[in-house]
C-alpha atoms as a PDB file:
ATOM      1  CA  MET A   1       5.115  27.409  22.960  1.00  0.00           C
ATOM      2  CA  LEU A   2       5.393  27.349  19.301  1.00  0.00           C
ATOM      3  CA  GLN A   3       3.722  24.532  17.966  1.00  0.00           C
ATOM      4  CA  ILE A   4       4.758  23.106  14.422  1.00  0.00           C
ATOM      5  CA  MET A   5       1.817  22.071  12.026  1.00  0.00           C
ATOM      6  CA  LEU A   6       2.033  19.945   8.823  1.00  0.00           C
ATOM      7  CA  ASP A   7      -0.600  19.411   6.284  1.00  0.00           C
ATOM      8  CA  ILE A   8      -0.114  15.471   5.922  1.00  0.00           C
ATOM      9  CA  PRO A   9      -3.073  13.843   4.811  1.00  0.00           C
ATOM     10  CA  GLN A  10      -4.237  11.542   7.636  1.00  0.00           C
ATOM     11  CA  TYR A  11      -6.560   8.151   6.961  1.00  0.00           C
ATOM     12  CA  ASP A  12      -6.506   6.304  10.594  1.00  0.00           C
ATOM     13  CA  PRO A  13      -4.412   4.257  11.134  1.00  0.00           C
ATOM     14  CA  TRP A  14      -2.809   5.474   7.744  1.00  0.00           C
ATOM     15  CA  LEU A  15      -0.428   8.692   6.502  1.00  0.00           C
ATOM     16  CA  LEU A  16       0.420   9.601   3.574  1.00  0.00           C
ATOM     17  CA  THR A  17       3.885   9.094   2.289  1.00  0.00           C
ATOM     18  CA  HIS A  18       6.563   9.004  -0.826  1.00  0.00           C
ATOM     19  CA  LYS A  19       7.557   6.411  -2.437  1.00  0.00           C
ATOM     20  CA  GLY A  20      11.025   6.629  -0.928  1.00  0.00           C
ATOM     21  CA  ASP A  21       9.679   5.945   3.119  1.00  0.00           C
ATOM     22  CA  ARG A  22      12.382   4.273   4.558  1.00  0.00           C
ATOM     23  CA  ALA A  23      10.172   2.213   6.917  1.00  0.00           C
ATOM     24  CA  CYS A  24       7.894   1.334   3.805  1.00  0.00           C
ATOM     25  CA  ARG A  25      10.956   0.243   2.191  1.00  0.00           C
ATOM     26  CA  GLN A  26      11.922  -2.153   5.057  1.00  0.00           C
ATOM     27  CA  LEU A  27       8.858  -3.602   5.373  1.00  0.00           C
ATOM     28  CA  ALA A  28       8.971  -4.293   1.340  1.00  0.00           C
ATOM     29  CA  ASP A  29      12.251  -5.999   1.711  1.00  0.00           C
ATOM     30  CA  ARG A  30      10.741  -8.406   3.542  1.00  0.00           C
ATOM     31  CA  HIS A  31       7.422  -8.827   1.090  1.00  0.00           C
ATOM     32  CA  TYR A  32       7.404 -11.777  -0.870  1.00  0.00           C
ATOM     33  CA  SER A  33       6.815  -9.281  -4.233  1.00  0.00           C
ATOM     34  CA  ARG A  34       9.698  -7.675  -3.862  1.00  0.00           C
ATOM     35  CA  GLN A  35      12.009  -7.688  -6.918  1.00  0.00           C
ATOM     36  CA  HIS A  36      15.556  -5.844  -5.388  1.00  0.00           C
ATOM     37  CA  VAL A  37      15.932  -6.013  -1.708  1.00  0.00           C
ATOM     38  CA  GLY A  38      17.286  -3.132  -0.062  1.00  0.00           C
ATOM     39  CA  ALA A  39      17.107  -0.932  -3.742  1.00  0.00           C
ATOM     40  CA  PRO A  40      15.696   3.023  -2.355  1.00  0.00           C
ATOM     41  CA  MET A  41      13.220   2.638  -4.260  1.00  0.00           C
ATOM     42  CA  PHE A  42      10.093   0.532  -3.591  1.00  0.00           C
ATOM     43  CA  THR A  43       7.061   0.741  -5.904  1.00  0.00           C
ATOM     44  CA  ARG A  44       6.286   0.628  -9.412  1.00  0.00           C
ATOM     45  CA  PRO A  45       7.348   3.403 -12.237  1.00  0.00           C
ATOM     46  CA  GLY A  46       3.565   5.609 -12.488  1.00  0.00           C
ATOM     47  CA  ARG A  47       1.664   6.929  -9.620  1.00  0.00           C
ATOM     48  CA  ASN A  48       1.899   5.651  -6.862  1.00  0.00           C
ATOM     49  CA  LEU A  49      -0.034   6.154  -3.405  1.00  0.00           C
ATOM     50  CA  VAL A  50       1.734   5.219  -0.500  1.00  0.00           C
ATOM     51  CA  LEU A  51       0.765   5.212   2.902  1.00  0.00           C
ATOM     52  CA  ARG A  52       2.558   3.670   5.790  1.00  0.00           C
ATOM     53  CA  THR A  53       1.237   3.543   9.966  1.00  0.00           C
ATOM     54  CA  ALA A  54       3.008   6.482  11.946  1.00  0.00           C
ATOM     55  CA  ALA A  55       4.868   2.919  13.739  1.00  0.00           C
ATOM     56  CA  GLY A  56       6.121   2.159  10.508  1.00  0.00           C
ATOM     57  CA  ASP A  57       4.705  -1.625  10.754  1.00  0.00           C
ATOM     58  CA  ALA A  58       2.443  -1.259   8.150  1.00  0.00           C
ATOM     59  CA  ALA A  59       2.803  -0.279   4.469  1.00  0.00           C
ATOM     60  CA  TRP A  60      -0.003   0.016   1.519  1.00  0.00           C
ATOM     61  CA  VAL A  61       0.733   0.945  -1.856  1.00  0.00           C
ATOM     62  CA  THR A  62      -2.074   1.755  -4.822  1.00  0.00           C
ATOM     63  CA  TRP A  63      -0.290   2.085  -8.407  1.00  0.00           C
ATOM     64  CA  ALA A  64      -1.669   4.007 -11.115  1.00  0.00           C
ATOM     65  CA  GLY A  65      -0.017   3.325 -14.594  1.00  0.00           C
ATOM     66  CA  ILE A  66      -0.833   1.894 -17.949  1.00  0.00           C
ATOM     67  CA  ARG A  67      -1.881  -1.473 -17.511  1.00  0.00           C
ATOM     68  CA  ASP A  68      -1.115  -4.694 -20.099  1.00  0.00           C
ATOM     69  CA  ASP A  69      -4.620  -6.185 -19.669  1.00  0.00           C
ATOM     70  CA  GLY A  70      -6.405  -3.483 -20.654  1.00  0.00           C
ATOM     71  CA  LEU A  71      -8.158  -2.530 -17.418  1.00  0.00           C
ATOM     72  CA  ARG A  72      -9.414   1.205 -16.086  1.00  0.00           C
ATOM     73  CA  ALA A  73      -7.953   0.115 -12.628  1.00  0.00           C
ATOM     74  CA  TRP A  74      -5.685   0.679 -10.149  1.00  0.00           C
ATOM     75  CA  GLU A  75      -3.716  -2.137  -8.002  1.00  0.00           C
ATOM     76  CA  CYS A  76      -2.441  -2.922  -4.801  1.00  0.00           C
ATOM     77  CA  THR A  77       0.869  -3.508  -5.230  1.00  0.00           C
ATOM     78  CA  ILE A  78       2.030  -4.115  -2.003  1.00  0.00           C
ATOM     79  CA  PHE A  79       0.423  -4.421   1.764  1.00  0.00           C
ATOM     80  CA  ARG A  80       2.710  -5.787   4.306  1.00  0.00           C
ATOM     81  CA  ASN A  81       1.243  -5.576   7.825  1.00  0.00           C
ATOM     82  CA  GLU A  82       3.381  -6.196  10.987  1.00  0.00           C
ATOM     83  CA  SER A  83       0.855  -4.236  12.949  1.00  0.00           C
ATOM     84  CA  PRO A  84      -1.364  -5.373  15.803  1.00  0.00           C
ATOM     85  CA  HIS A  85      -4.176  -3.988  13.395  1.00  0.00           C
ATOM     86  CA  LEU A  86      -6.469  -6.276  11.353  1.00  0.00           C
ATOM     87  CA  SER A  87      -5.623  -6.688   8.192  1.00  0.00           C
ATOM     88  CA  SER A  88      -9.273  -6.739   6.791  1.00  0.00           C
ATOM     89  CA  ASP A  89      -9.814  -3.033   8.916  1.00  0.00           C
ATOM     90  CA  MET A  90      -6.494  -1.771   7.087  1.00  0.00           C
ATOM     91  CA  ILE A  91      -7.218  -2.741   3.838  1.00  0.00           C
ATOM     92  CA  ARG A  92     -10.669  -0.887   4.213  1.00  0.00           C
ATOM     93  CA  ALA A  93      -8.954   2.048   5.358  1.00  0.00           C
ATOM     94  CA  ALA A  94      -6.195   1.754   2.977  1.00  0.00           C
ATOM     95  CA  ILE A  95      -8.798   1.690  -0.073  1.00  0.00           C
ATOM     96  CA  GLU A  96     -10.583   4.780   1.305  1.00  0.00           C
ATOM     97  CA  ALA A  97      -7.996   6.987   1.754  1.00  0.00           C
ATOM     98  CA  THR A  98      -7.092   5.654  -2.083  1.00  0.00           C
ATOM     99  CA  ILE A  99     -10.675   7.016  -3.046  1.00  0.00           C
ATOM    100  CA  ALA A 100     -10.161  10.191  -1.092  1.00  0.00           C
ATOM    101  CA  GLU A 101      -7.188  11.291  -2.492  1.00  0.00           C
ATOM    102  CA  TRP A 102      -7.732  10.063  -6.075  1.00  0.00           C
ATOM    103  CA  GLY A 103     -11.425   8.805  -6.818  1.00  0.00           C
ATOM    104  CA  LEU A 104     -12.450   5.727  -7.868  1.00  0.00           C
ATOM    105  CA  PRO A 105     -11.403   4.571 -11.440  1.00  0.00           C
ATOM    106  CA  PRO A 106     -13.908   2.386 -14.083  1.00  0.00           C
ATOM    107  CA  ASP A 107     -12.805  -1.037 -13.314  1.00  0.00           C
ATOM    108  CA  GLY A 108     -12.079  -0.076  -9.514  1.00  0.00           C
ATOM    109  CA  ILE A 109      -9.075  -1.265  -7.183  1.00  0.00           C
ATOM    110  CA  ILE A 110      -7.659  -5.130  -7.894  1.00  0.00           C
ATOM    111  CA  THR A 111      -4.893  -7.191  -6.346  1.00  0.00           C
ATOM    112  CA  TYR A 112      -2.975 -10.046  -6.686  1.00  0.00           C
ATOM    113  CA  VAL A 113      -2.111 -12.927  -4.401  1.00  0.00           C
ATOM    114  CA  ASP A 114       0.497 -15.780  -5.170  1.00  0.00           C
ATOM    115  CA  SER A 115      -0.427 -18.832  -3.192  1.00  0.00           C
ATOM    116  CA  SER A 116       2.614 -20.488  -3.317  1.00  0.00           C
ATOM    117  CA  LYS A 117       4.328 -17.844  -1.338  1.00  0.00           C
ATOM    118  CA  VAL A 118       1.576 -17.392   1.275  1.00  0.00           C
ATOM    119  CA  ARG A 119       1.345 -19.766   4.637  1.00  0.00           C
ATOM    120  CA  SER A 120      -2.759 -19.505   4.304  1.00  0.00           C
ATOM    121  CA  SER A 121      -5.038 -21.723   3.400  1.00  0.00           C
ATOM    122  CA  ASN A 122      -7.072 -19.486   1.897  1.00  0.00           C
ATOM    123  CA  PRO A 123      -4.410 -16.883   0.572  1.00  0.00           C
ATOM    124  CA  GLY A 124      -6.190 -13.281  -0.214  1.00  0.00           C
ATOM    125  CA  PHE A 125      -9.050 -14.005   2.352  1.00  0.00           C
ATOM    126  CA  CYS A 126      -8.743 -10.625   3.043  1.00  0.00           C
ATOM    127  CA  PHE A 127      -9.023  -8.974   0.549  1.00  0.00           C
END
């Protein structure tokens, strides 16, 4: 029997994918930061590291582009977790995957949380 092996990097529970991934796009459509629901691309222009679970129930994007704030940092532009995995564990794994793929920039990896759009008494706690 012939077995096909794909050379796709895996960072448990994450798989490396692309910025047009359908499952990620559907997750992004349900995220508060989504600017154009249904658009074929869900990431910002520039370099994007897109991760998803095999089941397509979680997505993470790290963005590297020209920043207005002068920071030499990469930014998590979306994290959506509808999986049974703990978000804090998934964030650690996504950061490890980003560092494995790109290294670590001088000012680190950052994110923003809009506390007015998150149903939590402690928005961004798992970050």
